[in-house]
N, C-alpha and C. Protein backbone atom coordinates (compact mmCIF):
# COMPACT_ATOMS: atom_id res chain seq x y z
N GLU A 1 62.80 39.95 23.20
CA GLU A 1 61.57 39.66 24.40
C GLU A 1 62.14 39.48 25.61
N SER A 2 61.32 40.00 26.63
CA SER A 2 61.73 39.69 28.17
C SER A 2 61.04 38.38 28.65
N TRP A 3 61.88 37.89 29.57
CA TRP A 3 61.16 36.41 30.30
C TRP A 3 59.97 36.65 30.61
N VAL A 4 59.65 37.68 30.89
CA VAL A 4 57.96 38.16 31.32
C VAL A 4 57.29 37.92 30.38
N GLN A 5 57.62 38.80 29.24
CA GLN A 5 56.54 38.30 28.36
C GLN A 5 56.76 37.05 27.84
N LEU A 6 57.64 36.39 27.56
CA LEU A 6 57.73 34.94 27.17
C LEU A 6 57.28 33.75 28.20
N GLN A 7 57.08 34.14 29.26
CA GLN A 7 56.02 33.41 30.53
C GLN A 7 54.89 33.45 29.96
N ALA A 8 54.56 34.58 30.10
CA ALA A 8 52.89 35.00 29.78
C ALA A 8 52.39 34.42 28.65
N GLU A 9 53.30 34.47 27.30
CA GLU A 9 52.72 33.64 26.01
C GLU A 9 52.80 32.15 26.24
N GLU A 10 53.78 31.75 27.04
CA GLU A 10 53.65 30.31 27.34
C GLU A 10 52.49 30.20 27.92
N ILE A 11 52.64 30.83 28.84
CA ILE A 11 51.15 30.14 29.86
C ILE A 11 50.11 30.96 29.14
N GLU A 12 49.65 31.46 28.43
CA GLU A 12 48.50 31.65 27.60
C GLU A 12 48.36 30.79 26.18
N ALA A 13 49.65 30.15 25.93
CA ALA A 13 49.06 29.10 24.92
C ALA A 13 48.73 27.65 25.85
N LEU A 14 49.47 27.68 27.07
CA LEU A 14 49.09 26.27 28.08
C LEU A 14 47.45 26.33 28.23
N ASN A 15 47.13 27.65 28.44
CA ASN A 15 45.51 27.80 28.87
C ASN A 15 44.53 27.79 27.89
N SER A 16 44.94 27.79 26.50
CA SER A 16 44.51 27.44 25.42
C SER A 16 44.28 26.09 25.09
N ILE A 17 45.19 25.01 25.43
CA ILE A 17 45.24 23.89 25.02
C ILE A 17 44.76 22.91 25.73
N PHE A 18 44.92 23.16 27.26
CA PHE A 18 44.61 22.58 28.46
C PHE A 18 42.90 23.10 28.96
N ASP A 19 42.24 22.11 29.46
CA ASP A 19 41.17 22.80 30.00
C ASP A 19 41.11 22.94 31.81
N GLU A 20 40.17 23.47 32.18
CA GLU A 20 40.65 23.97 33.52
C GLU A 20 40.66 22.59 34.55
N LYS A 21 40.24 21.67 34.16
CA LYS A 21 40.17 20.42 34.74
C LYS A 21 42.01 20.02 35.08
N GLN A 22 42.43 19.90 33.66
CA GLN A 22 43.71 19.65 33.35
C GLN A 22 44.74 20.54 33.97
N TRP A 23 44.48 21.79 33.69
CA TRP A 23 45.71 22.62 33.71
C TRP A 23 45.21 23.82 35.11
N LYS A 24 45.85 23.67 35.85
CA LYS A 24 45.14 24.86 37.13
C LYS A 24 46.46 25.70 37.78
N ARG A 25 45.95 26.66 38.02
CA ARG A 25 47.24 27.49 38.88
C ARG A 25 47.16 27.29 40.24
N ASP A 26 47.91 27.15 41.04
CA ASP A 26 48.12 27.34 42.73
C ASP A 26 47.95 28.62 43.00
N GLU A 27 46.53 28.94 43.28
CA GLU A 27 46.05 30.29 43.96
C GLU A 27 46.76 30.64 45.32
N ASN A 28 47.33 29.69 45.90
CA ASN A 28 48.02 30.16 47.33
C ASN A 28 49.58 30.30 46.89
N ASP A 29 50.41 29.75 46.20
CA ASP A 29 51.72 29.92 45.90
C ASP A 29 52.09 31.62 45.70
N THR A 30 53.02 32.00 45.58
CA THR A 30 53.49 33.32 45.95
C THR A 30 53.86 33.54 44.26
N GLN A 31 54.34 32.07 43.54
CA GLN A 31 55.09 32.29 42.36
C GLN A 31 54.26 31.56 41.44
N ARG A 32 54.60 31.43 40.63
CA ARG A 32 53.62 31.18 39.15
C ARG A 32 53.60 29.57 39.30
N THR A 33 52.81 28.92 39.64
CA THR A 33 53.02 27.18 39.63
C THR A 33 51.67 26.98 39.22
N TYR A 34 51.55 25.69 38.65
CA TYR A 34 50.55 25.37 37.62
C TYR A 34 50.79 23.70 37.70
N THR A 35 49.64 23.08 37.75
CA THR A 35 49.59 21.51 37.55
C THR A 35 48.83 20.96 36.71
N LEU A 36 49.60 20.34 35.72
CA LEU A 36 48.69 19.56 34.48
C LEU A 36 48.67 18.39 35.11
N THR A 37 47.43 17.88 34.65
CA THR A 37 47.04 16.27 35.19
C THR A 37 46.19 15.98 34.07
N ILE A 38 47.04 14.61 34.20
CA ILE A 38 46.78 13.59 32.94
C ILE A 38 46.27 12.62 33.70
N ASP A 39 44.90 12.30 33.32
CA ASP A 39 43.98 11.41 33.68
C ASP A 39 43.50 10.22 32.80
N GLN A 40 44.03 9.48 32.68
CA GLN A 40 43.61 8.18 31.61
C GLN A 40 42.99 7.40 32.21
N ARG A 41 43.12 7.05 33.35
CA ARG A 41 42.75 6.14 34.30
C ARG A 41 42.96 6.10 35.65
N PRO A 42 41.81 6.23 36.72
CA PRO A 42 42.38 6.78 38.28
C PRO A 42 43.59 6.23 38.53
N GLU A 43 43.86 5.26 38.42
CA GLU A 43 44.95 4.36 39.01
C GLU A 43 46.41 4.83 38.63
N ARG A 44 46.19 5.78 37.20
CA ARG A 44 47.37 5.83 36.18
C ARG A 44 47.33 7.46 36.11
N THR A 45 46.98 7.95 36.90
CA THR A 45 46.72 9.74 36.84
C THR A 45 48.58 10.18 37.33
N ILE A 46 48.68 11.25 36.44
CA ILE A 46 49.94 11.52 36.51
C ILE A 46 49.96 13.26 36.44
N SER A 47 50.78 13.83 37.57
CA SER A 47 50.46 15.33 37.35
C SER A 47 51.89 15.70 37.34
N LEU A 48 51.85 17.03 36.82
CA LEU A 48 53.24 17.70 36.48
C LEU A 48 52.97 19.01 37.10
N GLU A 49 53.99 19.27 38.04
CA GLU A 49 53.63 20.71 38.77
C GLU A 49 55.01 21.71 37.91
N LEU A 50 54.40 22.64 37.79
CA LEU A 50 55.54 23.52 36.90
C LEU A 50 55.30 24.83 37.39
N THR A 51 56.54 25.22 37.92
CA THR A 51 56.80 26.44 38.44
C THR A 51 57.84 27.81 37.89
N PHE A 52 56.96 28.69 37.05
CA PHE A 52 57.65 29.28 36.16
C PHE A 52 58.61 30.71 36.99
N VAL A 53 59.84 30.03 37.37
CA VAL A 53 60.46 30.89 38.28
C VAL A 53 61.08 32.26 37.26
N ASP A 54 61.49 33.14 37.97
CA ASP A 54 62.01 34.41 37.73
C ASP A 54 63.01 34.10 36.62
N GLY A 55 63.07 34.60 35.14
CA GLY A 55 63.84 33.99 34.82
C GLY A 55 63.82 33.35 33.54
N TYR A 56 62.91 32.64 33.71
CA TYR A 56 62.40 31.27 32.82
C TYR A 56 61.66 31.99 31.87
N PRO A 57 62.57 31.85 30.20
CA PRO A 57 63.11 30.60 29.90
C PRO A 57 64.39 31.13 29.29
N THR A 58 64.54 32.29 29.61
CA THR A 58 65.88 33.02 29.11
C THR A 58 66.85 32.35 29.63
N ASP A 59 66.95 32.73 31.21
CA ASP A 59 68.06 32.85 32.16
C ASP A 59 67.88 31.47 32.95
N ARG A 60 66.87 30.80 33.17
CA ARG A 60 66.86 29.68 34.43
C ARG A 60 65.89 28.92 33.72
N PRO A 61 65.89 27.34 34.18
CA PRO A 61 65.13 26.58 33.74
C PRO A 61 63.66 26.55 34.46
N LEU A 62 62.80 25.78 33.87
CA LEU A 62 61.57 26.02 34.81
C LEU A 62 62.21 24.85 36.02
N ILE A 63 61.19 25.06 37.01
CA ILE A 63 61.08 24.02 38.05
C ILE A 63 59.71 22.70 38.02
N TYR A 64 60.23 21.69 37.96
CA TYR A 64 59.04 20.65 37.77
C TYR A 64 59.25 19.88 38.78
N ASN A 65 58.12 19.20 38.84
CA ASN A 65 57.83 18.01 39.99
C ASN A 65 56.63 16.87 39.41
N ILE A 66 57.23 15.65 39.36
CA ILE A 66 56.23 14.75 38.83
C ILE A 66 55.66 14.41 40.11
N ARG A 67 54.48 14.18 39.90
CA ARG A 67 53.68 13.14 40.66
C ARG A 67 52.62 12.38 40.49
N ALA A 68 53.26 10.87 40.19
CA ALA A 68 52.59 9.74 39.99
C ALA A 68 53.07 8.23 40.63
N PRO A 69 52.61 8.47 42.38
CA PRO A 69 53.11 7.22 42.81
C PRO A 69 53.13 6.07 42.09
N TRP A 70 52.52 5.64 41.14
CA TRP A 70 52.62 4.41 40.57
C TRP A 70 53.46 4.23 39.93
N LEU A 71 54.19 5.27 39.39
CA LEU A 71 55.29 5.66 38.25
C LEU A 71 56.62 4.95 39.06
N ARG A 72 57.37 4.15 38.61
CA ARG A 72 58.32 4.09 39.44
C ARG A 72 59.81 3.53 38.25
N GLY A 73 61.06 3.27 38.85
CA GLY A 73 61.97 2.58 38.33
C GLY A 73 62.31 3.05 36.96
N GLN A 74 62.53 2.10 35.97
CA GLN A 74 62.60 2.64 34.75
C GLN A 74 62.18 3.58 34.05
N GLU A 75 60.61 3.58 34.14
CA GLU A 75 59.74 4.45 33.59
C GLU A 75 59.75 5.89 34.36
N ARG A 76 59.66 5.74 35.57
CA ARG A 76 59.97 7.32 35.87
C ARG A 76 60.94 7.76 35.71
N GLN A 77 62.50 7.02 35.52
CA GLN A 77 63.57 7.81 35.04
C GLN A 77 63.82 8.06 33.90
N GLU A 78 62.91 7.33 32.59
CA GLU A 78 62.87 7.76 31.30
C GLU A 78 61.82 9.12 31.26
N LEU A 79 61.03 9.23 31.86
CA LEU A 79 60.28 10.64 32.12
C LEU A 79 60.87 11.60 32.33
N THR A 80 61.59 11.48 33.54
CA THR A 80 62.39 12.38 34.00
C THR A 80 63.80 13.06 33.28
N ASN A 81 64.38 11.91 32.50
CA ASN A 81 65.25 12.47 31.50
C ASN A 81 64.64 13.13 30.29
N ILE A 82 63.71 12.76 29.81
CA ILE A 82 62.84 13.51 28.92
C ILE A 82 62.55 15.12 29.33
N LEU A 83 62.10 15.23 30.56
CA LEU A 83 61.62 16.60 30.92
C LEU A 83 63.26 17.20 30.97
N GLU A 84 64.07 16.62 31.79
CA GLU A 84 65.47 17.15 31.73
C GLU A 84 66.29 17.93 30.50
N ASN A 85 65.90 17.12 29.73
CA ASN A 85 66.30 17.49 28.12
C ASN A 85 65.50 18.21 27.68
N ILE A 86 64.26 18.78 28.04
CA ILE A 86 63.21 19.83 27.40
C ILE A 86 63.77 20.97 28.08
N TYR A 87 64.04 21.05 29.47
CA TYR A 87 63.65 22.09 30.16
C TYR A 87 65.31 22.31 30.70
């Protein structure tokens, strides 16, 4: 399978798991960038921005950005480490 097909399958799976409020595509981006928002409490929202770059998942890792201003120090580092181990 090519990376294009694998990406399409992964995005389709994520589309079926998360609703439109949680999982959104950045329509202004020329790449395939999506944002997953987890909103347990307004002051504890975490957004994970994922960019499906050319070559992901076979040749290159996914690019991600964590947006959670309240998450600092050890907790933020632990989340970053988990994501780096996955991708």
